[in-house]
Amino acid sequence: MGRHFADILRRAGLRKIRFHDLRHSCASLLLDQGVDLIVIKELLGHAHISITADTYTHVGLRLQRDAFDRMNTALDDHPNP
């Protein structure tokens, strides 16, 4: 499979990556689209969610910005004493 994948990448004019790298991309893209981590774990066939979270997902800037926005909203909803 690896040799065929390398040929596909070359013909498409894409840089060389390992076939396995697609799992990382898939997990990161799904997480970025708001798919729950437990669903991603199941799709990748992992026994433990920690493997998915620690190894295959990378928090993108959009998710970081969303987290800050949610914190800001939470703080705005609570008046200062």
PDB file of N, CA and C in Angstrom:
ATOM      1  N   MET A   1       0.826  -1.190   0.000  1.00  0.00           N
ATOM      2  CA  MET A   1       0.000   0.000   0.000  1.00  0.00           C
ATOM      3  C   MET A   1       0.873   1.258   0.000  1.00  0.00           C
ATOM      4  N   GLY A   2       1.962   1.230   0.749  1.00  0.00           N
ATOM      5  CA  GLY A   2       2.824   2.389   0.869  1.00  0.00           C
ATOM      6  C   GLY A   2       3.386   2.863  -0.459  1.00  0.00           C
ATOM      7  N   ARG A   3       3.778   1.935  -1.307  1.00  0.00           N
ATOM      8  CA  ARG A   3       4.337   2.293  -2.612  1.00  0.00           C
ATOM      9  C   ARG A   3       3.276   2.942  -3.498  1.00  0.00           C
ATOM     10  N   HIS A   4       2.064   2.378  -3.482  1.00  0.00           N
ATOM     11  CA  HIS A   4       0.976   2.963  -4.275  1.00  0.00           C
ATOM     12  C   HIS A   4       0.628   4.358  -3.762  1.00  0.00           C
ATOM     13  N   PHE A   5       0.622   4.516  -2.456  1.00  0.00           N
ATOM     14  CA  PHE A   5       0.314   5.813  -1.859  1.00  0.00           C
ATOM     15  C   PHE A   5       1.362   6.841  -2.261  1.00  0.00           C
ATOM     16  N   ALA A   6       2.625   6.456  -2.251  1.00  0.00           N
ATOM     17  CA  ALA A   6       3.704   7.362  -2.662  1.00  0.00           C
ATOM     18  C   ALA A   6       3.531   7.783  -4.116  1.00  0.00           C
ATOM     19  N   ASP A   7       3.114   6.853  -4.978  1.00  0.00           N
ATOM     20  CA  ASP A   7       2.870   7.178  -6.382  1.00  0.00           C
ATOM     21  C   ASP A   7       1.708   8.161  -6.532  1.00  0.00           C
ATOM     22  N   ILE A   8       0.662   7.950  -5.774  1.00  0.00           N
ATOM     23  CA  ILE A   8      -0.504   8.848  -5.812  1.00  0.00           C
ATOM     24  C   ILE A   8      -0.099  10.260  -5.395  1.00  0.00           C
ATOM     25  N   LEU A   9       0.675  10.349  -4.321  1.00  0.00           N
ATOM     26  CA  LEU A   9       1.136  11.662  -3.861  1.00  0.00           C
ATOM     27  C   LEU A   9       1.993  12.345  -4.921  1.00  0.00           C
ATOM     28  N   ARG A  10       2.908  11.589  -5.500  1.00  0.00           N
ATOM     29  CA  ARG A  10       3.808  12.148  -6.508  1.00  0.00           C
ATOM     30  C   ARG A  10       3.022  12.663  -7.708  1.00  0.00           C
ATOM     31  N   ARG A  11       2.075  11.858  -8.201  1.00  0.00           N
ATOM     32  CA  ARG A  11       1.273  12.262  -9.364  1.00  0.00           C
ATOM     33  C   ARG A  11       0.395  13.471  -9.050  1.00  0.00           C
ATOM     34  N   ALA A  12      -0.021  13.602  -7.796  1.00  0.00           N
ATOM     35  CA  ALA A  12      -0.856  14.742  -7.398  1.00  0.00           C
ATOM     36  C   ALA A  12      -0.024  15.988  -7.093  1.00  0.00           C
ATOM     37  N   GLY A  13       1.293  15.826  -7.103  1.00  0.00           N
ATOM     38  CA  GLY A  13       2.167  16.957  -6.816  1.00  0.00           C
ATOM     39  C   GLY A  13       2.205  17.322  -5.339  1.00  0.00           C
ATOM     40  N   LEU A  14       1.922  16.353  -4.483  1.00  0.00           N
ATOM     41  CA  LEU A  14       1.927  16.584  -3.038  1.00  0.00           C
ATOM     42  C   LEU A  14       3.225  16.100  -2.419  1.00  0.00           C
ATOM     43  N   ARG A  15       3.553  16.676  -1.270  1.00  0.00           N
ATOM     44  CA  ARG A  15       4.782  16.265  -0.600  1.00  0.00           C
ATOM     45  C   ARG A  15       4.639  14.844  -0.050  1.00  0.00           C
ATOM     46  N   LYS A  16       5.765  14.214   0.164  1.00  0.00           N
ATOM     47  CA  LYS A  16       5.789  12.833   0.646  1.00  0.00           C
ATOM     48  C   LYS A  16       5.408  12.795   2.130  1.00  0.00           C
ATOM     49  N   ILE A  17       4.438  11.957   2.450  1.00  0.00           N
ATOM     50  CA  ILE A  17       4.052  11.677   3.837  1.00  0.00           C
ATOM     51  C   ILE A  17       3.840  10.172   3.957  1.00  0.00           C
ATOM     52  N   ARG A  18       3.811   9.712   5.187  1.00  0.00           N
ATOM     53  CA  ARG A  18       3.524   8.290   5.410  1.00  0.00           C
ATOM     54  C   ARG A  18       2.016   8.064   5.326  1.00  0.00           C
ATOM     55  N   PHE A  19       1.610   6.911   4.876  1.00  0.00           N
ATOM     56  CA  PHE A  19       0.188   6.574   4.823  1.00  0.00           C
ATOM     57  C   PHE A  19      -0.431   6.704   6.209  1.00  0.00           C
ATOM     58  N   HIS A  20       0.313   6.311   7.222  1.00  0.00           N
ATOM     59  CA  HIS A  20      -0.175   6.366   8.604  1.00  0.00           C
ATOM     60  C   HIS A  20      -0.472   7.803   9.046  1.00  0.00           C
ATOM     61  N   ASP A  21       0.198   8.785   8.441  1.00  0.00           N
ATOM     62  CA  ASP A  21      -0.037  10.184   8.800  1.00  0.00           C
ATOM     63  C   ASP A  21      -1.475  10.612   8.531  1.00  0.00           C
ATOM     64  N   LEU A  22      -2.163   9.907   7.648  1.00  0.00           N
ATOM     65  CA  LEU A  22      -3.555  10.231   7.362  1.00  0.00           C
ATOM     66  C   LEU A  22      -4.434  10.055   8.601  1.00  0.00           C
ATOM     67  N   ARG A  23      -4.054   9.140   9.491  1.00  0.00           N
ATOM     68  CA  ARG A  23      -4.815   8.953  10.736  1.00  0.00           C
ATOM     69  C   ARG A  23      -4.737  10.204  11.597  1.00  0.00           C
ATOM     70  N   HIS A  24      -3.559  10.797  11.680  1.00  0.00           N
ATOM     71  CA  HIS A  24      -3.390  12.031  12.446  1.00  0.00           C
ATOM     72  C   HIS A  24      -4.233  13.151  11.846  1.00  0.00           C
ATOM     73  N   SER A  25      -4.165  13.267  10.542  1.00  0.00           N
ATOM     74  CA  SER A  25      -4.940  14.310   9.862  1.00  0.00           C
ATOM     75  C   SER A  25      -6.433  14.097  10.060  1.00  0.00           C
ATOM     76  N   CYS A  26      -6.872  12.873   9.913  1.00  0.00           N
ATOM     77  CA  CYS A  26      -8.285  12.553  10.087  1.00  0.00           C
ATOM     78  C   CYS A  26      -8.756  12.921  11.489  1.00  0.00           C
ATOM     79  N   ALA A  27      -8.028  12.491  12.495  1.00  0.00           N
ATOM     80  CA  ALA A  27      -8.412  12.778  13.878  1.00  0.00           C
ATOM     81  C   ALA A  27      -8.435  14.275  14.142  1.00  0.00           C
ATOM     82  N   SER A  28      -7.430  14.986  13.680  1.00  0.00           N
ATOM     83  CA  SER A  28      -7.361  16.433  13.909  1.00  0.00           C
ATOM     84  C   SER A  28      -8.483  17.171  13.190  1.00  0.00           C
ATOM     85  N   LEU A  29      -8.760  16.789  11.948  1.00  0.00           N
ATOM     86  CA  LEU A  29      -9.832  17.440  11.194  1.00  0.00           C
ATOM     87  C   LEU A  29     -11.196  17.168  11.813  1.00  0.00           C
ATOM     88  N   LEU A  30     -11.432  15.949  12.257  1.00  0.00           N
ATOM     89  CA  LEU A  30     -12.703  15.627  12.901  1.00  0.00           C
ATOM     90  C   LEU A  30     -12.872  16.419  14.193  1.00  0.00           C
ATOM     91  N   LEU A  31     -11.822  16.496  14.985  1.00  0.00           N
ATOM     92  CA  LEU A  31     -11.881  17.264  16.227  1.00  0.00           C
ATOM     93  C   LEU A  31     -12.148  18.728  15.930  1.00  0.00           C
ATOM     94  N   ASP A  32     -11.494  19.264  14.928  1.00  0.00           N
ATOM     95  CA  ASP A  32     -11.669  20.663  14.541  1.00  0.00           C
ATOM     96  C   ASP A  32     -13.094  20.939  14.074  1.00  0.00           C
ATOM     97  N   GLN A  33     -13.765  19.913  13.548  1.00  0.00           N
ATOM     98  CA  GLN A  33     -15.147  20.064  13.095  1.00  0.00           C
ATOM     99  C   GLN A  33     -16.154  19.828  14.217  1.00  0.00           C
ATOM    100  N   GLY A  34     -15.648  19.609  15.419  1.00  0.00           N
ATOM    101  CA  GLY A  34     -16.534  19.457  16.569  1.00  0.00           C
ATOM    102  C   GLY A  34     -16.993  18.043  16.850  1.00  0.00           C
ATOM    103  N   VAL A  35     -16.406  17.057  16.174  1.00  0.00           N
ATOM    104  CA  VAL A  35     -16.769  15.663  16.429  1.00  0.00           C
ATOM    105  C   VAL A  35     -16.233  15.281  17.809  1.00  0.00           C
ATOM    106  N   ASP A  36     -17.062  14.644  18.605  1.00  0.00           N
ATOM    107  CA  ASP A  36     -16.689  14.252  19.958  1.00  0.00           C
ATOM    108  C   ASP A  36     -15.511  13.287  19.944  1.00  0.00           C
ATOM    109  N   LEU A  37     -14.617  13.439  20.901  1.00  0.00           N
ATOM    110  CA  LEU A  37     -13.412  12.619  20.972  1.00  0.00           C
ATOM    111  C   LEU A  37     -13.729  11.128  21.079  1.00  0.00           C
ATOM    112  N   ILE A  38     -14.812  10.778  21.748  1.00  0.00           N
ATOM    113  CA  ILE A  38     -15.175   9.357  21.882  1.00  0.00           C
ATOM    114  C   ILE A  38     -15.549   8.762  20.519  1.00  0.00           C
ATOM    115  N   VAL A  39     -16.161   9.562  19.655  1.00  0.00           N
ATOM    116  CA  VAL A  39     -16.506   9.100  18.308  1.00  0.00           C
ATOM    117  C   VAL A  39     -15.227   8.894  17.497  1.00  0.00           C
ATOM    118  N   ILE A  40     -14.292   9.827  17.603  1.00  0.00           N
ATOM    119  CA  ILE A  40     -13.020   9.704  16.900  1.00  0.00           C
ATOM    120  C   ILE A  40     -12.273   8.463  17.373  1.00  0.00           C
ATOM    121  N   LYS A  41     -12.283   8.219  18.673  1.00  0.00           N
ATOM    122  CA  LYS A  41     -11.662   7.016  19.248  1.00  0.00           C
ATOM    123  C   LYS A  41     -12.232   5.754  18.603  1.00  0.00           C
ATOM    124  N   GLU A  42     -13.538   5.702  18.477  1.00  0.00           N
ATOM    125  CA  GLU A  42     -14.184   4.530  17.889  1.00  0.00           C
ATOM    126  C   GLU A  42     -13.833   4.386  16.405  1.00  0.00           C
ATOM    127  N   LEU A  43     -13.833   5.503  15.673  1.00  0.00           N
ATOM    128  CA  LEU A  43     -13.504   5.446  14.252  1.00  0.00           C
ATOM    129  C   LEU A  43     -12.082   4.948  14.008  1.00  0.00           C
ATOM    130  N   LEU A  44     -11.161   5.353  14.888  1.00  0.00           N
ATOM    131  CA  LEU A  44      -9.771   4.925  14.737  1.00  0.00           C
ATOM    132  C   LEU A  44      -9.519   3.538  15.321  1.00  0.00           C
ATOM    133  N   GLY A  45     -10.486   3.016  16.075  1.00  0.00           N
ATOM    134  CA  GLY A  45     -10.361   1.671  16.625  1.00  0.00           C
ATOM    135  C   GLY A  45      -9.472   1.569  17.852  1.00  0.00           C
ATOM    136  N   HIS A  46      -9.377   2.649  18.601  1.00  0.00           N
ATOM    137  CA  HIS A  46      -8.544   2.616  19.806  1.00  0.00           C
ATOM    138  C   HIS A  46      -9.314   2.018  20.984  1.00  0.00           C
ATOM    139  N   ALA A  47      -8.593   1.302  21.838  1.00  0.00           N
ATOM    140  CA  ALA A  47      -9.201   0.723  23.024  1.00  0.00           C
ATOM    141  C   ALA A  47      -9.385   1.772  24.112  1.00  0.00           C
ATOM    142  N   HIS A  48      -8.495   2.758  24.165  1.00  0.00           N
ATOM    143  CA  HIS A  48      -8.526   3.773  25.217  1.00  0.00           C
ATOM    144  C   HIS A  48      -8.516   5.163  24.605  1.00  0.00           C
ATOM    145  N   ILE A  49      -9.357   6.028  25.143  1.00  0.00           N
ATOM    146  CA  ILE A  49      -9.468   7.383  24.619  1.00  0.00           C
ATOM    147  C   ILE A  49      -8.174   8.175  24.808  1.00  0.00           C
ATOM    148  N   SER A  50      -7.374   7.806  25.793  1.00  0.00           N
ATOM    149  CA  SER A  50      -6.120   8.524  26.030  1.00  0.00           C
ATOM    150  C   SER A  50      -5.171   8.400  24.833  1.00  0.00           C
ATOM    151  N   ILE A  51      -5.204   7.261  24.152  1.00  0.00           N
ATOM    152  CA  ILE A  51      -4.362   7.090  22.965  1.00  0.00           C
ATOM    153  C   ILE A  51      -4.786   8.088  21.891  1.00  0.00           C
ATOM    154  N   THR A  52      -6.089   8.199  21.685  1.00  0.00           N
ATOM    155  CA  THR A  52      -6.601   9.131  20.685  1.00  0.00           C
ATOM    156  C   THR A  52      -6.238  10.562  21.052  1.00  0.00           C
ATOM    157  N   ALA A  53      -6.493  10.931  22.291  1.00  0.00           N
ATOM    158  CA  ALA A  53      -6.276  12.314  22.727  1.00  0.00           C
ATOM    159  C   ALA A  53      -4.796  12.685  22.740  1.00  0.00           C
ATOM    160  N   ASP A  54      -3.962  11.793  23.227  1.00  0.00           N
ATOM    161  CA  ASP A  54      -2.544  12.117  23.393  1.00  0.00           C
ATOM    162  C   ASP A  54      -1.733  11.989  22.100  1.00  0.00           C
ATOM    163  N   THR A  55      -2.109  11.073  21.245  1.00  0.00           N
ATOM    164  CA  THR A  55      -1.276  10.756  20.091  1.00  0.00           C
ATOM    165  C   THR A  55      -1.797  11.326  18.777  1.00  0.00           C
ATOM    166  N   TYR A  56      -3.092  11.304  18.587  1.00  0.00           N
ATOM    167  CA  TYR A  56      -3.622  11.572  17.255  1.00  0.00           C
ATOM    168  C   TYR A  56      -4.286  12.922  17.069  1.00  0.00           C
ATOM    169  N   THR A  57      -4.577  13.632  18.122  1.00  0.00           N
ATOM    170  CA  THR A  57      -5.263  14.904  17.934  1.00  0.00           C
ATOM    171  C   THR A  57      -4.351  16.060  18.275  1.00  0.00           C
ATOM    172  N   HIS A  58      -4.525  17.127  17.526  1.00  0.00           N
ATOM    173  CA  HIS A  58      -3.749  18.335  17.719  1.00  0.00           C
ATOM    174  C   HIS A  58      -4.744  19.491  17.726  1.00  0.00           C
ATOM    175  N   VAL A  59      -4.726  20.268  18.780  1.00  0.00           N
ATOM    176  CA  VAL A  59      -5.699  21.341  18.917  1.00  0.00           C
ATOM    177  C   VAL A  59      -5.341  22.475  17.962  1.00  0.00           C
ATOM    178  N   GLY A  60      -6.249  22.764  17.052  1.00  0.00           N
ATOM    179  CA  GLY A  60      -6.037  23.825  16.081  1.00  0.00           C
ATOM    180  C   GLY A  60      -6.367  25.194  16.660  1.00  0.00           C
ATOM    181  N   LEU A  61      -5.989  26.217  15.925  1.00  0.00           N
ATOM    182  CA  LEU A  61      -6.220  27.590  16.373  1.00  0.00           C
ATOM    183  C   LEU A  61      -7.698  27.900  16.536  1.00  0.00           C
ATOM    184  N   ARG A  62      -8.552  27.346  15.659  1.00  0.00           N
ATOM    185  CA  ARG A  62      -9.983  27.612  15.766  1.00  0.00           C
ATOM    186  C   ARG A  62     -10.537  27.081  17.080  1.00  0.00           C
ATOM    187  N   LEU A  63     -10.107  25.888  17.478  1.00  0.00           N
ATOM    188  CA  LEU A  63     -10.574  25.319  18.739  1.00  0.00           C
ATOM    189  C   LEU A  63     -10.040  26.105  19.930  1.00  0.00           C
ATOM    190  N   GLN A  64      -8.805  26.585  19.843  1.00  0.00           N
ATOM    191  CA  GLN A  64      -8.254  27.397  20.919  1.00  0.00           C
ATOM    192  C   GLN A  64      -9.045  28.696  21.050  1.00  0.00           C
ATOM    193  N   ARG A  65      -9.336  29.335  19.923  1.00  0.00           N
ATOM    194  CA  ARG A  65     -10.097  30.579  19.927  1.00  0.00           C
ATOM    195  C   ARG A  65     -11.493  30.342  20.499  1.00  0.00           C
ATOM    196  N   ASP A  66     -12.107  29.226  20.118  1.00  0.00           N
ATOM    197  CA  ASP A  66     -13.433  28.879  20.621  1.00  0.00           C
ATOM    198  C   ASP A  66     -13.397  28.691  22.141  1.00  0.00           C
ATOM    199  N   ALA A  67     -12.355  28.060  22.647  1.00  0.00           N
ATOM    200  CA  ALA A  67     -12.225  27.855  24.093  1.00  0.00           C
ATOM    201  C   ALA A  67     -12.108  29.195  24.813  1.00  0.00           C
ATOM    202  N   PHE A  68     -11.315  30.109  24.261  1.00  0.00           N
ATOM    203  CA  PHE A  68     -11.187  31.435  24.873  1.00  0.00           C
ATOM    204  C   PHE A  68     -12.508  32.195  24.816  1.00  0.00           C
ATOM    205  N   ASP A  69     -13.223  32.092  23.710  1.00  0.00           N
ATOM    206  CA  ASP A  69     -14.520  32.759  23.587  1.00  0.00           C
ATOM    207  C   ASP A  69     -15.517  32.224  24.615  1.00  0.00           C
ATOM    208  N   ARG A  70     -15.498  30.907  24.811  1.00  0.00           N
ATOM    209  CA  ARG A  70     -16.409  30.307  25.798  1.00  0.00           C
ATOM    210  C   ARG A  70     -16.064  30.762  27.215  1.00  0.00           C
ATOM    211  N   MET A  71     -14.767  30.846  27.517  1.00  0.00           N
ATOM    212  CA  MET A  71     -14.354  31.318  28.832  1.00  0.00           C
ATOM    213  C   MET A  71     -14.775  32.772  29.020  1.00  0.00           C
ATOM    214  N   ASN A  72     -14.601  33.573  28.007  1.00  0.00           N
ATOM    215  CA  ASN A  72     -14.997  34.975  28.063  1.00  0.00           C
ATOM    216  C   ASN A  72     -16.494  35.105  28.318  1.00  0.00           C
ATOM    217  N   THR A  73     -17.284  34.300  27.629  1.00  0.00           N
ATOM    218  CA  THR A  73     -18.734  34.312  27.816  1.00  0.00           C
ATOM    219  C   THR A  73     -19.087  33.897  29.240  1.00  0.00           C
ATOM    220  N   ALA A  74     -18.432  32.856  29.734  1.00  0.00           N
ATOM    221  CA  ALA A  74     -18.703  32.400  31.104  1.00  0.00           C
ATOM    222  C   ALA A  74     -18.376  33.468  32.125  1.00  0.00           C
ATOM    223  N   LEU A  75     -17.273  34.173  31.920  1.00  0.00           N
ATOM    224  CA  LEU A  75     -16.880  35.223  32.859  1.00  0.00           C
ATOM    225  C   LEU A  75     -17.802  36.426  32.763  1.00  0.00           C
ATOM    226  N   ASP A  76     -18.261  36.751  31.558  1.00  0.00           N
ATOM    227  CA  ASP A  76     -19.196  37.866  31.369  1.00  0.00           C
ATOM    228  C   ASP A  76     -20.562  37.596  31.996  1.00  0.00           C
ATOM    229  N   ASP A  77     -20.933  36.317  32.065  1.00  0.00           N
ATOM    230  CA  ASP A  77     -22.236  35.938  32.629  1.00  0.00           C
ATOM    231  C   ASP A  77     -22.257  35.999  34.144  1.00  0.00           C
ATOM    232  N   HIS A  78     -21.104  36.149  34.778  1.00  0.00           N
ATOM    233  CA  HIS A  78     -21.029  36.190  36.236  1.00  0.00           C
ATOM    234  C   HIS A  78     -20.586  37.583  36.667  1.00  0.00           C
ATOM    235  N   PRO A  79     -21.505  38.350  37.268  1.00  0.00           N
ATOM    236  CA  PRO A  79     -21.131  39.711  37.702  1.00  0.00           C
ATOM    237  C   PRO A  79     -20.095  39.687  38.803  1.00  0.00           C
ATOM    238  N   ASN A  80     -19.253  40.721  38.815  1.00  0.00           N
ATOM    239  CA  ASN A  80     -18.250  40.851  39.868  1.00  0.00           C
ATOM    240  C   ASN A  80     -18.928  41.196  41.179  1.00  0.00           C
ATOM    241  N   PRO A  81     -18.432  40.638  42.309  1.00  0.00           N
ATOM    242  CA  PRO A  81     -19.055  40.940  43.620  1.00  0.00           C
ATOM    243  C   PRO A  81     -18.798  42.359  44.047  1.00  0.00           C
TER     244      PRO A  81
END
